[in-house]
C-alpha atoms as a PDB file:
ATOM      1  CA  MET A   1       0.001  -0.013  -0.002  1.00  0.00           C
ATOM      2  CA  LYS A   2       2.837   2.419   0.873  1.00  0.00           C
ATOM      3  CA  ILE A   3       4.552   1.694  -2.483  1.00  0.00           C
ATOM      4  CA  MET A   4       1.321   2.245  -4.364  1.00  0.00           C
ATOM      5  CA  LYS A   5       0.742   5.551  -2.535  1.00  0.00           C
ATOM      6  CA  THR A   6       4.254   6.724  -3.345  1.00  0.00           C
ATOM      7  CA  ASN A   7       3.925   5.787  -7.012  1.00  0.00           C
ATOM      8  CA  THR A   8       0.582   7.571  -7.186  1.00  0.00           C
ATOM      9  CA  ILE A   9       2.155  10.774  -5.813  1.00  0.00           C
ATOM     10  CA  TYR A  10       4.941  10.627  -8.415  1.00  0.00           C
ATOM     11  CA  ILE A  11       2.454  10.002 -11.219  1.00  0.00           C
ATOM     12  CA  LEU A  12       0.340  12.981 -10.118  1.00  0.00           C
ATOM     13  CA  VAL A  13       3.430  15.209  -9.835  1.00  0.00           C
ATOM     14  CA  TRP A  14       4.556  14.113 -13.313  1.00  0.00           C
ATOM     15  CA  LEU A  15       1.169  14.813 -14.790  1.00  0.00           C
ATOM     16  CA  LEU A  16       0.998  18.230 -13.203  1.00  0.00           C
ATOM     17  CA  ALA A  17       4.538  19.057 -14.456  1.00  0.00           C
ATOM     18  CA  PHE A  18       3.641  17.735 -17.934  1.00  0.00           C
ATOM     19  CA  THR A  19       0.435  19.775 -18.050  1.00  0.00           C
ATOM     20  CA  SER A  20       2.271  22.881 -16.846  1.00  0.00           C
ATOM     21  CA  CYS A  21       4.859  22.497 -19.600  1.00  0.00           C
ATOM     22  CA  LYS A  22       2.177  21.748 -22.228  1.00  0.00           C
ATOM     23  CA  ASP A  23       0.138  24.779 -21.285  1.00  0.00           C
ATOM     24  CA  ASN A  24       3.203  27.049 -21.040  1.00  0.00           C
ATOM     25  CA  ALA A  25       2.847  27.987 -24.735  1.00  0.00           C
ATOM     26  CA  GLN A  26      -0.671  29.230 -24.085  1.00  0.00           C
ATOM     27  CA  GLN A  27      -1.402  32.464 -22.276  1.00  0.00           C
ATOM     28  CA  THR A  28      -3.804  32.038 -19.356  1.00  0.00           C
ATOM     29  CA  ASP A  29      -4.911  34.059 -16.343  1.00  0.00           C
ATOM     30  CA  ALA A  30      -3.304  31.586 -13.962  1.00  0.00           C
ATOM     31  CA  SER A  31       0.368  31.865 -12.932  1.00  0.00           C
ATOM     32  CA  PRO A  32       2.481  28.844 -13.829  1.00  0.00           C
ATOM     33  CA  ILE A  33       3.497  26.586 -10.920  1.00  0.00           C
ATOM     34  CA  GLY A  34       6.834  24.838 -11.071  1.00  0.00           C
ATOM     35  CA  ILE A  35       6.798  21.352  -9.459  1.00  0.00           C
ATOM     36  CA  GLN A  36       9.939  19.398  -8.636  1.00  0.00           C
ATOM     37  CA  ASN A  37       9.809  15.768  -7.532  1.00  0.00           C
ATOM     38  CA  GLU A  38      12.697  16.202  -5.101  1.00  0.00           C
ATOM     39  CA  PHE A  39      10.715  18.820  -3.120  1.00  0.00           C
ATOM     40  CA  LEU A  40       8.202  16.153  -2.125  1.00  0.00           C
ATOM     41  CA  GLN A  41      10.790  13.598  -0.992  1.00  0.00           C
ATOM     42  CA  GLY A  42      11.614  13.275   2.700  1.00  0.00           C
ATOM     43  CA  GLN A  43       9.789  12.830   6.001  1.00  0.00           C
ATOM     44  CA  ILE A  44       6.667  14.988   6.378  1.00  0.00           C
ATOM     45  CA  ILE A  45       6.053  16.593   9.796  1.00  0.00           C
ATOM     46  CA  ASP A  46       2.598  18.088  10.475  1.00  0.00           C
ATOM     47  CA  LEU A  47       2.970  21.401  12.308  1.00  0.00           C
ATOM     48  CA  THR A  48      -0.770  21.914  12.682  1.00  0.00           C
ATOM     49  CA  HIS A  49      -3.008  21.533  15.714  1.00  0.00           C
ATOM     50  CA  ASP A  50      -6.437  19.995  15.190  1.00  0.00           C
ATOM     51  CA  PHE A  51      -9.414  22.337  15.051  1.00  0.00           C
ATOM     52  CA  SER A  52     -12.016  21.328  17.626  1.00  0.00           C
ATOM     53  CA  ASN A  53     -13.833  22.559  20.728  1.00  0.00           C
ATOM     54  CA  GLU A  54     -10.415  22.501  22.441  1.00  0.00           C
ATOM     55  CA  THR A  55      -8.782  24.858  19.973  1.00  0.00           C
ATOM     56  CA  ILE A  56      -7.202  27.905  21.595  1.00  0.00           C
ATOM     57  CA  TYR A  57      -8.226  31.325  20.367  1.00  0.00           C
ATOM     58  CA  TRP A  58      -7.337  34.841  21.443  1.00  0.00           C
ATOM     59  CA  VAL A  59      -9.273  35.664  24.609  1.00  0.00           C
ATOM     60  CA  THR A  60     -11.517  38.186  22.817  1.00  0.00           C
ATOM     61  CA  ALA A  61     -12.063  36.122  19.621  1.00  0.00           C
ATOM     62  CA  LYS A  62     -14.917  33.817  18.583  1.00  0.00           C
ATOM     63  CA  GLU A  63     -13.990  30.196  19.350  1.00  0.00           C
ATOM     64  CA  PHE A  64     -14.322  27.240  16.977  1.00  0.00           C
ATOM     65  CA  GLU A  65     -17.788  25.773  16.545  1.00  0.00           C
ATOM     66  CA  LEU A  66     -18.677  22.598  14.680  1.00  0.00           C
ATOM     67  CA  ASP A  67     -22.363  21.867  14.013  1.00  0.00           C
ATOM     68  CA  THR A  68     -23.460  18.519  12.621  1.00  0.00           C
ATOM     69  CA  VAL A  69     -25.694  18.803   9.569  1.00  0.00           C
ATOM     70  CA  PHE A  70     -26.099  15.082   9.125  1.00  0.00           C
ATOM     71  CA  ASN A  71     -24.150  12.005  10.256  1.00  0.00           C
ATOM     72  CA  GLY A  72     -25.550   8.548   9.529  1.00  0.00           C
ATOM     73  CA  ASP A  73     -27.267   6.293   7.058  1.00  0.00           C
ATOM     74  CA  THR A  74     -29.656   7.929   4.654  1.00  0.00           C
ATOM     75  CA  ASP A  75     -33.069   6.550   3.640  1.00  0.00           C
ATOM     76  CA  LYS A  76     -31.426   5.659   0.291  1.00  0.00           C
ATOM     77  CA  GLY A  77     -29.007   3.317   1.971  1.00  0.00           C
ATOM     78  CA  TYR A  78     -25.689   5.169   1.802  1.00  0.00           C
ATOM     79  CA  PHE A  79     -23.738   6.765   4.683  1.00  0.00           C
ATOM     80  CA  TYR A  80     -23.462  10.581   4.658  1.00  0.00           C
ATOM     81  CA  SER A  81     -21.651  13.081   6.910  1.00  0.00           C
ATOM     82  CA  ALA A  82     -21.518  16.887   6.705  1.00  0.00           C
ATOM     83  CA  ASN A  83     -20.894  19.717   9.167  1.00  0.00           C
ATOM     84  CA  ASN A  84     -20.963  23.487   9.378  1.00  0.00           C
ATOM     85  CA  PHE A  85     -18.109  25.257  11.128  1.00  0.00           C
ATOM     86  CA  ALA A  86     -17.489  28.815  12.333  1.00  0.00           C
ATOM     87  CA  SER A  87     -14.609  30.590  13.966  1.00  0.00           C
ATOM     88  CA  ALA A  88     -12.525  33.779  14.099  1.00  0.00           C
ATOM     89  CA  GLU A  89      -9.712  34.172  11.555  1.00  0.00           C
ATOM     90  CA  HIS A  90      -7.113  34.182  14.329  1.00  0.00           C
ATOM     91  CA  GLY A  91      -7.101  31.014  16.392  1.00  0.00           C
ATOM     92  CA  GLY A  92      -5.583  27.587  16.434  1.00  0.00           C
ATOM     93  CA  THR A  93      -2.814  27.094  13.914  1.00  0.00           C
ATOM     94  CA  HIS A  94      -3.292  30.126  11.692  1.00  0.00           C
ATOM     95  CA  ILE A  95      -1.633  32.834   9.637  1.00  0.00           C
ATOM     96  CA  ASP A  96      -1.450  36.554  10.356  1.00  0.00           C
ATOM     97  CA  ALA A  97      -1.647  38.305   6.961  1.00  0.00           C
ATOM     98  CA  PRO A  98       0.228  41.590   6.659  1.00  0.00           C
ATOM     99  CA  ILE A  99      -3.047  43.573   6.592  1.00  0.00           C
ATOM    100  CA  HIS A 100      -3.681  42.393  10.180  1.00  0.00           C
ATOM    101  CA  PHE A 101      -1.365  45.191  11.402  1.00  0.00           C
ATOM    102  CA  SER A 102      -0.556  47.138   8.243  1.00  0.00           C
ATOM    103  CA  LYS A 103      -3.154  49.286   6.475  1.00  0.00           C
ATOM    104  CA  SER A 104      -1.415  48.818   3.124  1.00  0.00           C
ATOM    105  CA  GLY A 105      -0.425  45.192   3.778  1.00  0.00           C
ATOM    106  CA  GLN A 106      -1.459  42.158   1.781  1.00  0.00           C
ATOM    107  CA  SER A 107      -4.573  40.251   2.693  1.00  0.00           C
ATOM    108  CA  VAL A 108      -4.627  36.455   2.883  1.00  0.00           C
ATOM    109  CA  SER A 109      -5.720  36.113  -0.745  1.00  0.00           C
ATOM    110  CA  GLU A 110      -3.054  38.535  -1.931  1.00  0.00           C
ATOM    111  CA  MET A 111       0.007  36.938  -0.276  1.00  0.00           C
ATOM    112  CA  PRO A 112       2.449  35.405  -2.812  1.00  0.00           C
ATOM    113  CA  LEU A 113       2.521  31.628  -2.494  1.00  0.00           C
ATOM    114  CA  GLU A 114       6.316  31.640  -3.022  1.00  0.00           C
ATOM    115  CA  ASN A 115       6.583  33.384   0.393  1.00  0.00           C
ATOM    116  CA  LEU A 116       4.663  30.506   2.069  1.00  0.00           C
ATOM    117  CA  VAL A 117       6.578  27.630   0.517  1.00  0.00           C
ATOM    118  CA  GLY A 118      10.327  27.132   0.683  1.00  0.00           C
ATOM    119  CA  ASN A 119      13.467  26.471   2.702  1.00  0.00           C
ATOM    120  CA  ALA A 120      13.162  26.945   6.428  1.00  0.00           C
ATOM    121  CA  ILE A 121      15.191  27.055   9.628  1.00  0.00           C
ATOM    122  CA  LYS A 122      14.406  26.556  13.298  1.00  0.00           C
ATOM    123  CA  ILE A 123      15.657  28.707  16.180  1.00  0.00           C
ATOM    124  CA  ASP A 124      15.475  26.715  19.391  1.00  0.00           C
ATOM    125  CA  VAL A 125      14.952  28.934  22.517  1.00  0.00           C
ATOM    126  CA  THR A 126      13.287  26.272  24.717  1.00  0.00           C
ATOM    127  CA  GLU A 127      16.010  26.381  27.383  1.00  0.00           C
ATOM    128  CA  ARG A 128      15.239  30.028  28.128  1.00  0.00           C
ATOM    129  CA  ALA A 129      11.544  30.236  27.203  1.00  0.00           C
ATOM    130  CA  LEU A 130      10.320  27.302  29.281  1.00  0.00           C
ATOM    131  CA  ASN A 131      11.767  28.892  32.381  1.00  0.00           C
ATOM    132  CA  ASN A 132      10.239  32.315  31.665  1.00  0.00           C
ATOM    133  CA  PRO A 133       6.694  32.676  30.304  1.00  0.00           C
ATOM    134  CA  ASP A 134       7.472  36.297  29.428  1.00  0.00           C
ATOM    135  CA  TYR A 135      10.626  35.467  27.505  1.00  0.00           C
ATOM    136  CA  LEU A 136      11.446  37.756  24.552  1.00  0.00           C
ATOM    137  CA  ILE A 137      13.319  36.034  21.736  1.00  0.00           C
ATOM    138  CA  SER A 138      16.301  38.251  21.145  1.00  0.00           C
ATOM    139  CA  ILE A 139      18.824  39.286  18.464  1.00  0.00           C
ATOM    140  CA  GLU A 140      21.329  37.190  20.367  1.00  0.00           C
ATOM    141  CA  ASP A 141      19.164  34.077  19.800  1.00  0.00           C
ATOM    142  CA  PHE A 142      19.477  34.632  16.035  1.00  0.00           C
ATOM    143  CA  THR A 143      23.208  35.390  16.083  1.00  0.00           C
ATOM    144  CA  LYS A 144      23.861  32.342  18.265  1.00  0.00           C
ATOM    145  CA  TRP A 145      22.071  30.193  15.737  1.00  0.00           C
ATOM    146  CA  GLU A 146      24.180  31.690  12.932  1.00  0.00           C
ATOM    147  CA  LYS A 147      27.410  31.120  14.840  1.00  0.00           C
ATOM    148  CA  LYS A 148      26.484  27.518  15.651  1.00  0.00           C
ATOM    149  CA  GLN A 149      25.384  26.763  12.095  1.00  0.00           C
ATOM    150  CA  ASN A 150      28.333  28.738  10.629  1.00  0.00           C
ATOM    151  CA  THR A 151      25.981  30.583   8.240  1.00  0.00           C
ATOM    152  CA  LYS A 152      23.771  33.630   8.125  1.00  0.00           C
ATOM    153  CA  ILE A 153      20.008  33.118   8.004  1.00  0.00           C
ATOM    154  CA  PRO A 154      19.637  32.362   4.289  1.00  0.00           C
ATOM    155  CA  ASP A 155      17.777  34.820   2.075  1.00  0.00           C
ATOM    156  CA  GLY A 156      14.150  33.852   1.510  1.00  0.00           C
ATOM    157  CA  SER A 157      13.990  31.632   4.586  1.00  0.00           C
ATOM    158  CA  ILE A 158      10.890  30.754   6.563  1.00  0.00           C
ATOM    159  CA  VAL A 159      12.012  31.144  10.197  1.00  0.00           C
ATOM    160  CA  LEU A 160      10.395  29.001  12.889  1.00  0.00           C
ATOM    161  CA  LEU A 161      10.857  29.851  16.567  1.00  0.00           C
ATOM    162  CA  HIS A 162      10.695  26.871  18.939  1.00  0.00           C
ATOM    163  CA  THR A 163       9.747  27.869  22.490  1.00  0.00           C
ATOM    164  CA  GLY A 164       8.468  24.457  23.585  1.00  0.00           C
ATOM    165  CA  TYR A 165       5.028  25.861  24.523  1.00  0.00           C
ATOM    166  CA  SER A 166       3.101  23.549  22.191  1.00  0.00           C
ATOM    167  CA  GLN A 167       3.533  20.796  24.816  1.00  0.00           C
ATOM    168  CA  PHE A 168       1.030  22.726  27.004  1.00  0.00           C
ATOM    169  CA  TYR A 169      -1.663  22.994  24.255  1.00  0.00           C
ATOM    170  CA  PRO A 170      -4.672  22.948  24.775  1.00  0.00           C
ATOM    171  CA  ASP A 171      -4.292  23.710  28.503  1.00  0.00           C
ATOM    172  CA  LYS A 172      -5.243  27.402  28.469  1.00  0.00           C
ATOM    173  CA  ILE A 173      -3.699  28.221  31.834  1.00  0.00           C
ATOM    174  CA  LYS A 174      -0.333  26.759  30.959  1.00  0.00           C
ATOM    175  CA  TYR A 175      -0.365  27.872  27.308  1.00  0.00           C
ATOM    176  CA  LEU A 176      -1.987  31.299  27.526  1.00  0.00           C
ATOM    177  CA  GLY A 177      -1.470  32.077  31.202  1.00  0.00           C
ATOM    178  CA  THR A 178      -5.254  32.248  31.838  1.00  0.00           C
ATOM    179  CA  ASP A 179      -8.481  30.418  31.083  1.00  0.00           C
ATOM    180  CA  GLN A 180     -10.515  33.599  31.432  1.00  0.00           C
ATOM    181  CA  ARG A 181     -12.051  35.253  28.394  1.00  0.00           C
ATOM    182  CA  GLY A 182     -12.931  38.783  27.357  1.00  0.00           C
ATOM    183  CA  ASN A 183     -11.092  42.136  27.437  1.00  0.00           C
ATOM    184  CA  ASP A 184     -10.204  41.816  31.092  1.00  0.00           C
ATOM    185  CA  ALA A 185      -8.310  38.571  30.329  1.00  0.00           C
ATOM    186  CA  VAL A 186      -5.829  40.269  27.978  1.00  0.00           C
ATOM    187  CA  LYS A 187      -3.742  41.612  30.904  1.00  0.00           C
ATOM    188  CA  LEU A 188      -3.458  38.053  32.281  1.00  0.00           C
ATOM    189  CA  LEU A 189      -1.756  36.604  29.196  1.00  0.00           C
ATOM    190  CA  HIS A 190       1.723  35.177  29.692  1.00  0.00           C
ATOM    191  CA  PHE A 191       3.703  33.347  26.934  1.00  0.00           C
ATOM    192  CA  PRO A 192       6.951  33.984  25.056  1.00  0.00           C
ATOM    193  CA  GLY A 193       7.222  36.016  21.859  1.00  0.00           C
ATOM    194  CA  LEU A 194       9.631  37.842  19.596  1.00  0.00           C
ATOM    195  CA  ALA A 195      11.284  40.981  20.965  1.00  0.00           C
ATOM    196  CA  PRO A 196      10.447  44.127  18.930  1.00  0.00           C
ATOM    197  CA  LYS A 197      14.163  44.895  18.556  1.00  0.00           C
ATOM    198  CA  ALA A 198      14.754  41.394  17.222  1.00  0.00           C
ATOM    199  CA  ALA A 199      11.929  41.877  14.706  1.00  0.00           C
ATOM    200  CA  GLU A 200      13.538  45.159  13.612  1.00  0.00           C
ATOM    201  CA  TRP A 201      16.915  43.401  13.297  1.00  0.00           C
ATOM    202  CA  LEU A 202      15.412  40.727  11.030  1.00  0.00           C
ATOM    203  CA  VAL A 203      13.755  43.310   8.799  1.00  0.00           C
ATOM    204  CA  ASN A 204      16.871  45.520   8.562  1.00  0.00           C
ATOM    205  CA  ASN A 205      19.589  42.885   8.381  1.00  0.00           C
ATOM    206  CA  ARG A 206      18.107  39.685   6.999  1.00  0.00           C
ATOM    207  CA  ASN A 207      15.754  38.837   4.111  1.00  0.00           C
ATOM    208  CA  ILE A 208      13.126  36.394   5.336  1.00  0.00           C
ATOM    209  CA  HIS A 209       9.856  35.394   3.684  1.00  0.00           C
ATOM    210  CA  ALA A 210       7.839  34.415   6.725  1.00  0.00           C
ATOM    211  CA  ILE A 211       8.135  33.649  10.456  1.00  0.00           C
ATOM    212  CA  GLY A 212       6.262  31.389  12.848  1.00  0.00           C
ATOM    213  CA  LEU A 213       6.248  30.041  16.416  1.00  0.00           C
ATOM    214  CA  ASP A 214       4.551  27.664  18.760  1.00  0.00           C
ATOM    215  CA  THR A 215       2.741  30.236  20.929  1.00  0.00           C
ATOM    216  CA  PRO A 216      -0.490  32.210  20.424  1.00  0.00           C
ATOM    217  CA  SER A 217       1.206  35.360  19.114  1.00  0.00           C
ATOM    218  CA  ILE A 218       4.445  36.583  17.548  1.00  0.00           C
ATOM    219  CA  ASP A 219       4.374  39.273  20.288  1.00  0.00           C
ATOM    220  CA  TYR A 220       4.647  37.991  23.864  1.00  0.00           C
ATOM    221  CA  GLY A 221       1.562  37.780  26.080  1.00  0.00           C
ATOM    222  CA  GLN A 222       2.187  41.032  27.947  1.00  0.00           C
ATOM    223  CA  SER A 223       2.589  43.133  24.810  1.00  0.00           C
ATOM    224  CA  GLN A 224       0.414  46.172  24.628  1.00  0.00           C
ATOM    225  CA  TYR A 225       1.513  47.750  21.343  1.00  0.00           C
ATOM    226  CA  PHE A 226       2.286  44.595  19.277  1.00  0.00           C
ATOM    227  CA  LYS A 227       5.425  46.155  17.856  1.00  0.00           C
ATOM    228  CA  SER A 228       6.796  42.903  16.454  1.00  0.00           C
ATOM    229  CA  HIS A 229       3.564  42.394  14.525  1.00  0.00           C
ATOM    230  CA  VAL A 230       3.711  45.950  13.178  1.00  0.00           C
ATOM    231  CA  THR A 231       7.359  45.713  12.173  1.00  0.00           C
ATOM    232  CA  LEU A 232       7.097  42.394  10.341  1.00  0.00           C
ATOM    233  CA  LEU A 233       3.640  42.737   8.781  1.00  0.00           C
ATOM    234  CA  SER A 234       4.459  46.259   7.542  1.00  0.00           C
ATOM    235  CA  GLN A 235       7.155  44.583   5.418  1.00  0.00           C
ATOM    236  CA  ASN A 236       4.676  41.970   4.118  1.00  0.00           C
ATOM    237  CA  ILE A 237       6.259  39.239   6.269  1.00  0.00           C
ATOM    238  CA  PRO A 238       3.388  37.010   7.439  1.00  0.00           C
ATOM    239  CA  ALA A 239       3.406  35.239  10.804  1.00  0.00           C
ATOM    240  CA  PHE A 240       2.343  31.697  11.609  1.00  0.00           C
ATOM    241  CA  GLU A 241       1.048  31.174  15.172  1.00  0.00           C
ATOM    242  CA  ASN A 242       0.114  28.206  17.372  1.00  0.00           C
ATOM    243  CA  LEU A 243       2.391  25.742  15.562  1.00  0.00           C
ATOM    244  CA  THR A 244       3.216  22.308  16.933  1.00  0.00           C
ATOM    245  CA  ASN A 245       5.812  19.541  16.557  1.00  0.00           C
ATOM    246  CA  LEU A 246       8.683  21.958  16.185  1.00  0.00           C
ATOM    247  CA  ASP A 247      10.690  19.618  18.483  1.00  0.00           C
ATOM    248  CA  LYS A 248      10.725  17.136  15.585  1.00  0.00           C
ATOM    249  CA  LEU A 249      12.555  19.555  13.268  1.00  0.00           C
ATOM    250  CA  PRO A 250      16.318  20.025  12.832  1.00  0.00           C
ATOM    251  CA  ALA A 251      17.957  23.458  12.933  1.00  0.00           C
ATOM    252  CA  ASN A 252      17.922  23.624   9.112  1.00  0.00           C
ATOM    253  CA  HIS A 253      17.790  21.398   6.031  1.00  0.00           C
ATOM    254  CA  PHE A 254      14.003  21.236   5.774  1.00  0.00           C
ATOM    255  CA  LYS A 255      11.222  22.911   3.782  1.00  0.00           C
ATOM    256  CA  VAL A 256       7.846  24.321   4.781  1.00  0.00           C
ATOM    257  CA  ILE A 257       4.537  24.413   2.978  1.00  0.00           C
ATOM    258  CA  ALA A 258       2.107  26.780   4.748  1.00  0.00           C
ATOM    259  CA  LEU A 259      -1.215  27.095   2.938  1.00  0.00           C
ATOM    260  CA  PRO A 260      -4.025  29.149   4.574  1.00  0.00           C
ATOM    261  CA  MET A 261      -7.709  29.139   3.691  1.00  0.00           C
ATOM    262  CA  LYS A 262      -7.867  31.670   0.862  1.00  0.00           C
ATOM    263  CA  ILE A 263     -10.192  34.270   2.432  1.00  0.00           C
ATOM    264  CA  LYS A 264     -10.608  37.247   0.113  1.00  0.00           C
ATOM    265  CA  GLY A 265      -9.580  40.344   2.050  1.00  0.00           C
ATOM    266  CA  GLY A 266      -8.867  38.230   5.144  1.00  0.00           C
ATOM    267  CA  SER A 267      -6.551  39.468   7.875  1.00  0.00           C
ATOM    268  CA  GLY A 268      -5.817  35.901   8.840  1.00  0.00           C
ATOM    269  CA  ALA A 269      -6.959  32.362   8.263  1.00  0.00           C
ATOM    270  CA  PRO A 270      -6.780  28.768   9.508  1.00  0.00           C
ATOM    271  CA  LEU A 271      -3.462  27.270   8.315  1.00  0.00           C
ATOM    272  CA  ARG A 272      -2.427  23.766   7.349  1.00  0.00           C
ATOM    273  CA  ILE A 273       1.324  23.810   7.598  1.00  0.00           C
ATOM    274  CA  ILE A 274       3.810  20.968   7.111  1.00  0.00           C
ATOM    275  CA  ALA A 275       7.564  20.563   7.106  1.00  0.00           C
ATOM    276  CA  ILE A 276       9.436  18.209   4.791  1.00  0.00           C
ATOM    277  CA  LEU A 277      12.837  17.096   6.030  1.00  0.00           C
ATOM    278  CA  ASP A 278      15.607  16.977   3.474  1.00  0.00           C
ATOM    279  CA  LYS A 279      16.803  13.490   2.650  1.00  0.00           C
END
């Protein structure tokens, strides 16, 4: 079964590549998509939390709801299942589109796909973050990674920040700092995030396509002005939040595919994100 599945993937990739080449001579409204077999080879790691009634949302946001339309055998003899769901844009594993904190920023449907798919690195700050729920990921954390890896953060990278907090999900008290909801709960939030100065350093000194982490926000829980959001999103650098399984990733030599629900004009969206380890 595994061999058949692998062969099927290669056949589909070949057909897509063949179709792309065949249609290349014709002008269409769709942008051509280049597909390479080697990109799909390697172990796949799912970096996405399930969406359910346990999904963690911002304390002022609408939580996930799943309503059953039908689930069972029909009077015609076949099984049928369908649901309705509703939620805020920002909750669970999701993307912050640039327009979330930038008036002129790209919406979810406007973000270039090439910024959401590509080579990635992981910065591990678990040793410091797990001992300090208000930890701010610093410039030093990035320069230490570069020194240890003997390379600068590569141009066009997707940068993932590993705090270790996904191990607490979906325990709201351990993960968010509170299980209360509403405006009064905002001041009770405690979890690590990216220091505003570190966000500025990335924008001014490195050329990254996207950034993500395994906490509810790229800014730490006690942030009031969300400066890291503003700095990154103003440069059309989207943020992925509430990731998981970052402990299964190496420091580099892997790729990320992060595809959000394509909400026209959306400031964010649920995200299915995976990593593919290089062979």
